Amino acid sequence: MNFLKPFILAFGLVTVATSGYAASLDIALDGGKRWEPVNAGTDGWGDGSGRFKFSGNSVTITIEDKASNPWQIQLKRPRVNLTKGQVYQIVAEVSASKQSPLTIMLQKDSGDYATYFAEDVAVNNTPKQIDISFTADHSDPKTAFAFFVGGAEPGVSYTFQNIRLTSVN
């Protein structure tokens, strides 16, 4: 039995050494499955509201009531497993019916809502191809991946197509 101890110990070390690697991340819009439309005014914790319409790899958000803060109307994908040191890529095609602000955000999804990544983008009626890479400086299995649109005026419609968040090997 003692001759098996080195093998058992070696297997345990290999298991521990490989368990620290993150699984590949590939998040798409997928018709809105697992995505949450956030309307602070409708949800009762702020103001602003929007109408969300999902269709395949596309979503349209029409601002109905302007929000006091951009995050009060957002398209959010909760429970993203972010791994410190991992490189991620965000791609999407985005337009708005008139020049409007957009914030792309990865943040803690509770408590202090710490920001892990943020990028402000101005969009208009010409589709804009977004292609951003960043290295995560935190690990958090409950990260929110979101697009904040609450800074737009009532009547503005945003169209998002082919949203993707992937880990880069």
Protein backbone atom coordinates (compact mmCIF):
# COMPACT_ATOMS: atom_id res chain seq x y z
CA MET A 1 0.00 0.00 0.00
CA ASN A 2 2.88 2.38 0.71
CA PHE A 3 4.00 2.20 -2.93
CA LEU A 4 0.68 3.87 -3.97
CA LYS A 5 1.22 6.93 -1.76
CA PRO A 6 3.55 8.72 -4.23
CA PHE A 7 1.01 8.17 -7.04
CA ILE A 8 -1.91 9.38 -4.93
CA LEU A 9 0.09 12.41 -3.81
CA ALA A 10 1.17 13.19 -7.39
CA PHE A 11 -2.44 12.88 -8.66
CA GLY A 12 -3.60 15.21 -5.88
CA LEU A 13 -0.98 17.81 -6.80
CA VAL A 14 -1.92 17.66 -10.48
CA THR A 15 -5.59 18.05 -9.57
CA VAL A 16 -4.84 21.05 -7.35
CA ALA A 17 -2.53 22.61 -9.96
CA THR A 18 -5.08 22.35 -12.77
CA SER A 19 -8.17 23.34 -10.80
CA GLY A 20 -7.03 27.00 -10.78
CA TYR A 21 -7.54 27.39 -14.52
CA ALA A 22 -10.73 29.14 -15.61
CA ALA A 23 -13.14 27.45 -17.91
CA SER A 24 -13.53 29.11 -21.28
CA LEU A 25 -16.12 31.88 -21.20
CA ASP A 26 -18.40 32.48 -24.19
CA ILE A 27 -21.52 34.56 -23.57
CA ALA A 28 -23.83 35.65 -26.38
CA LEU A 29 -27.25 37.30 -26.47
CA ASP A 30 -29.02 34.03 -27.36
CA GLY A 31 -32.47 35.58 -27.64
CA GLY A 32 -32.16 37.14 -24.19
CA LYS A 33 -31.87 33.88 -22.24
CA ARG A 34 -30.25 34.63 -18.87
CA TRP A 35 -30.19 38.38 -19.65
CA GLU A 36 -32.13 40.81 -17.46
CA PRO A 37 -33.77 44.06 -18.59
CA VAL A 38 -33.21 46.56 -15.76
CA ASN A 39 -35.75 49.38 -15.32
CA ALA A 40 -35.18 51.15 -12.01
CA GLY A 41 -38.40 53.17 -12.32
CA THR A 42 -40.51 50.09 -13.01
CA ASP A 43 -38.57 47.92 -10.54
CA GLY A 44 -39.13 50.44 -7.72
CA TRP A 45 -35.57 51.41 -6.76
CA GLY A 46 -35.01 54.50 -8.90
CA ASP A 47 -36.32 56.19 -12.01
CA GLY A 48 -36.17 55.66 -15.75
CA SER A 49 -37.68 52.91 -17.84
CA GLY A 50 -37.20 51.29 -21.19
CA ARG A 51 -38.94 48.78 -23.40
CA PHE A 52 -36.83 45.71 -24.31
CA LYS A 53 -37.49 43.61 -27.40
CA PHE A 54 -35.36 40.47 -27.92
CA SER A 55 -35.12 38.69 -31.26
CA GLY A 56 -32.42 36.07 -31.84
CA ASN A 57 -29.02 37.78 -31.62
CA SER A 58 -30.56 41.25 -31.45
CA VAL A 59 -32.21 43.41 -28.82
CA THR A 60 -33.82 46.84 -29.13
CA ILE A 61 -34.16 49.07 -26.08
CA THR A 62 -36.42 52.10 -26.38
CA ILE A 63 -36.13 54.69 -23.62
CA GLU A 64 -39.58 55.59 -22.26
CA ASP A 65 -38.62 57.68 -19.20
CA LYS A 66 -35.18 59.25 -18.75
CA ALA A 67 -33.21 57.97 -15.77
CA SER A 68 -31.28 60.10 -13.29
CA ASN A 69 -28.31 57.75 -13.66
CA PRO A 70 -27.12 55.70 -16.66
CA TRP A 71 -27.27 52.39 -14.70
CA GLN A 72 -30.97 52.77 -13.97
CA ILE A 73 -31.81 51.38 -17.44
CA GLN A 74 -29.56 48.55 -18.54
CA LEU A 75 -29.29 45.28 -20.35
CA LYS A 76 -27.59 42.96 -17.85
CA ARG A 77 -26.18 39.45 -17.94
CA PRO A 78 -25.69 38.37 -14.31
CA ARG A 79 -23.54 35.56 -12.90
CA VAL A 80 -20.56 35.90 -15.22
CA ASN A 81 -17.50 34.10 -13.84
CA LEU A 82 -14.65 36.62 -14.18
CA THR A 83 -11.11 35.36 -13.48
CA LYS A 84 -8.21 37.60 -12.44
CA GLY A 85 -5.46 37.72 -15.08
CA GLN A 86 -7.69 36.35 -17.84
CA VAL A 87 -7.99 38.35 -21.07
CA TYR A 88 -11.56 38.93 -22.26
CA GLN A 89 -12.97 40.29 -25.50
CA ILE A 90 -16.26 42.16 -25.88
CA VAL A 91 -17.74 42.48 -29.35
CA ALA A 92 -21.09 43.90 -30.42
CA GLU A 93 -22.69 46.01 -33.10
CA VAL A 94 -24.57 48.95 -31.57
CA SER A 95 -26.58 51.87 -32.90
CA ALA A 96 -29.01 54.42 -31.49
CA SER A 97 -31.72 56.40 -33.23
CA LYS A 98 -29.84 59.61 -32.32
CA GLN A 99 -26.46 60.44 -30.75
CA SER A 100 -26.61 58.91 -27.25
CA PRO A 101 -24.29 57.69 -24.50
CA LEU A 102 -23.61 54.04 -23.74
CA THR A 103 -21.51 52.50 -20.98
CA ILE A 104 -20.22 48.94 -21.24
CA MET A 105 -19.67 47.60 -17.74
CA LEU A 106 -18.42 44.56 -15.87
CA GLN A 107 -18.93 44.96 -12.15
CA LYS A 108 -19.68 43.23 -8.89
CA ASP A 109 -23.41 42.46 -8.95
CA SER A 110 -24.18 43.40 -5.35
CA GLY A 111 -22.91 45.32 -2.33
CA ASP A 112 -20.58 48.11 -3.41
CA TYR A 113 -20.99 47.27 -7.16
CA ALA A 114 -17.22 47.58 -7.64
CA THR A 115 -16.26 48.28 -11.25
CA TYR A 116 -14.00 45.69 -12.90
CA PHE A 117 -14.15 47.20 -16.40
CA ALA A 118 -15.97 50.19 -17.92
CA GLU A 119 -15.93 51.82 -21.34
CA ASP A 120 -18.01 54.84 -22.41
CA VAL A 121 -19.05 54.89 -26.06
CA ALA A 122 -21.08 57.43 -28.03
CA VAL A 123 -23.40 55.79 -30.52
CA ASN A 124 -25.66 57.15 -33.26
CA ASN A 125 -27.74 55.86 -36.17
CA THR A 126 -24.68 54.42 -37.95
CA PRO A 127 -23.98 50.93 -36.54
CA LYS A 128 -20.76 50.94 -34.54
CA GLN A 129 -18.67 47.79 -34.28
CA ILE A 130 -17.34 47.41 -30.74
CA ASP A 131 -14.27 45.24 -30.26
CA ILE A 132 -12.61 45.68 -26.87
CA SER A 133 -10.14 43.48 -25.00
CA PHE A 134 -9.17 43.81 -21.35
CA THR A 135 -7.41 41.83 -18.63
CA ALA A 136 -9.46 41.18 -15.50
CA ASP A 137 -7.89 42.52 -12.32
CA HIS A 138 -10.37 40.65 -10.06
CA SER A 139 -11.95 37.21 -9.82
CA ASP A 140 -15.67 37.15 -9.16
CA PRO A 141 -18.07 34.32 -10.05
CA LYS A 142 -21.03 36.71 -9.78
CA THR A 143 -19.94 39.53 -12.08
CA ALA A 144 -22.58 41.49 -14.00
CA PHE A 145 -21.91 42.21 -17.69
CA ALA A 146 -24.09 45.18 -18.64
CA PHE A 147 -24.86 47.92 -21.12
CA PHE A 148 -26.04 51.12 -19.38
CA VAL A 149 -28.41 53.20 -21.54
CA GLY A 150 -30.19 55.32 -18.91
CA GLY A 151 -28.43 58.49 -20.06
CA ALA A 152 -30.47 58.72 -23.27
CA GLU A 153 -33.49 60.91 -23.89
CA PRO A 154 -37.02 59.47 -24.05
CA GLY A 155 -37.81 58.06 -27.48
CA VAL A 156 -34.23 57.01 -28.27
CA SER A 157 -33.95 53.40 -29.43
CA TYR A 158 -30.73 51.40 -29.10
CA THR A 159 -30.15 48.31 -31.21
CA PHE A 160 -27.59 45.72 -30.11
CA GLN A 161 -26.58 42.84 -32.37
CA ASN A 162 -24.21 39.93 -31.95
CA ILE A 163 -23.18 40.72 -28.37
CA ARG A 164 -20.36 38.46 -27.27
CA LEU A 165 -18.11 38.25 -24.20
CA THR A 166 -15.41 35.61 -24.54
CA SER A 167 -12.23 34.60 -22.78
CA VAL A 168 -9.16 34.84 -24.99
CA ASN A 169 -6.66 31.99 -24.77
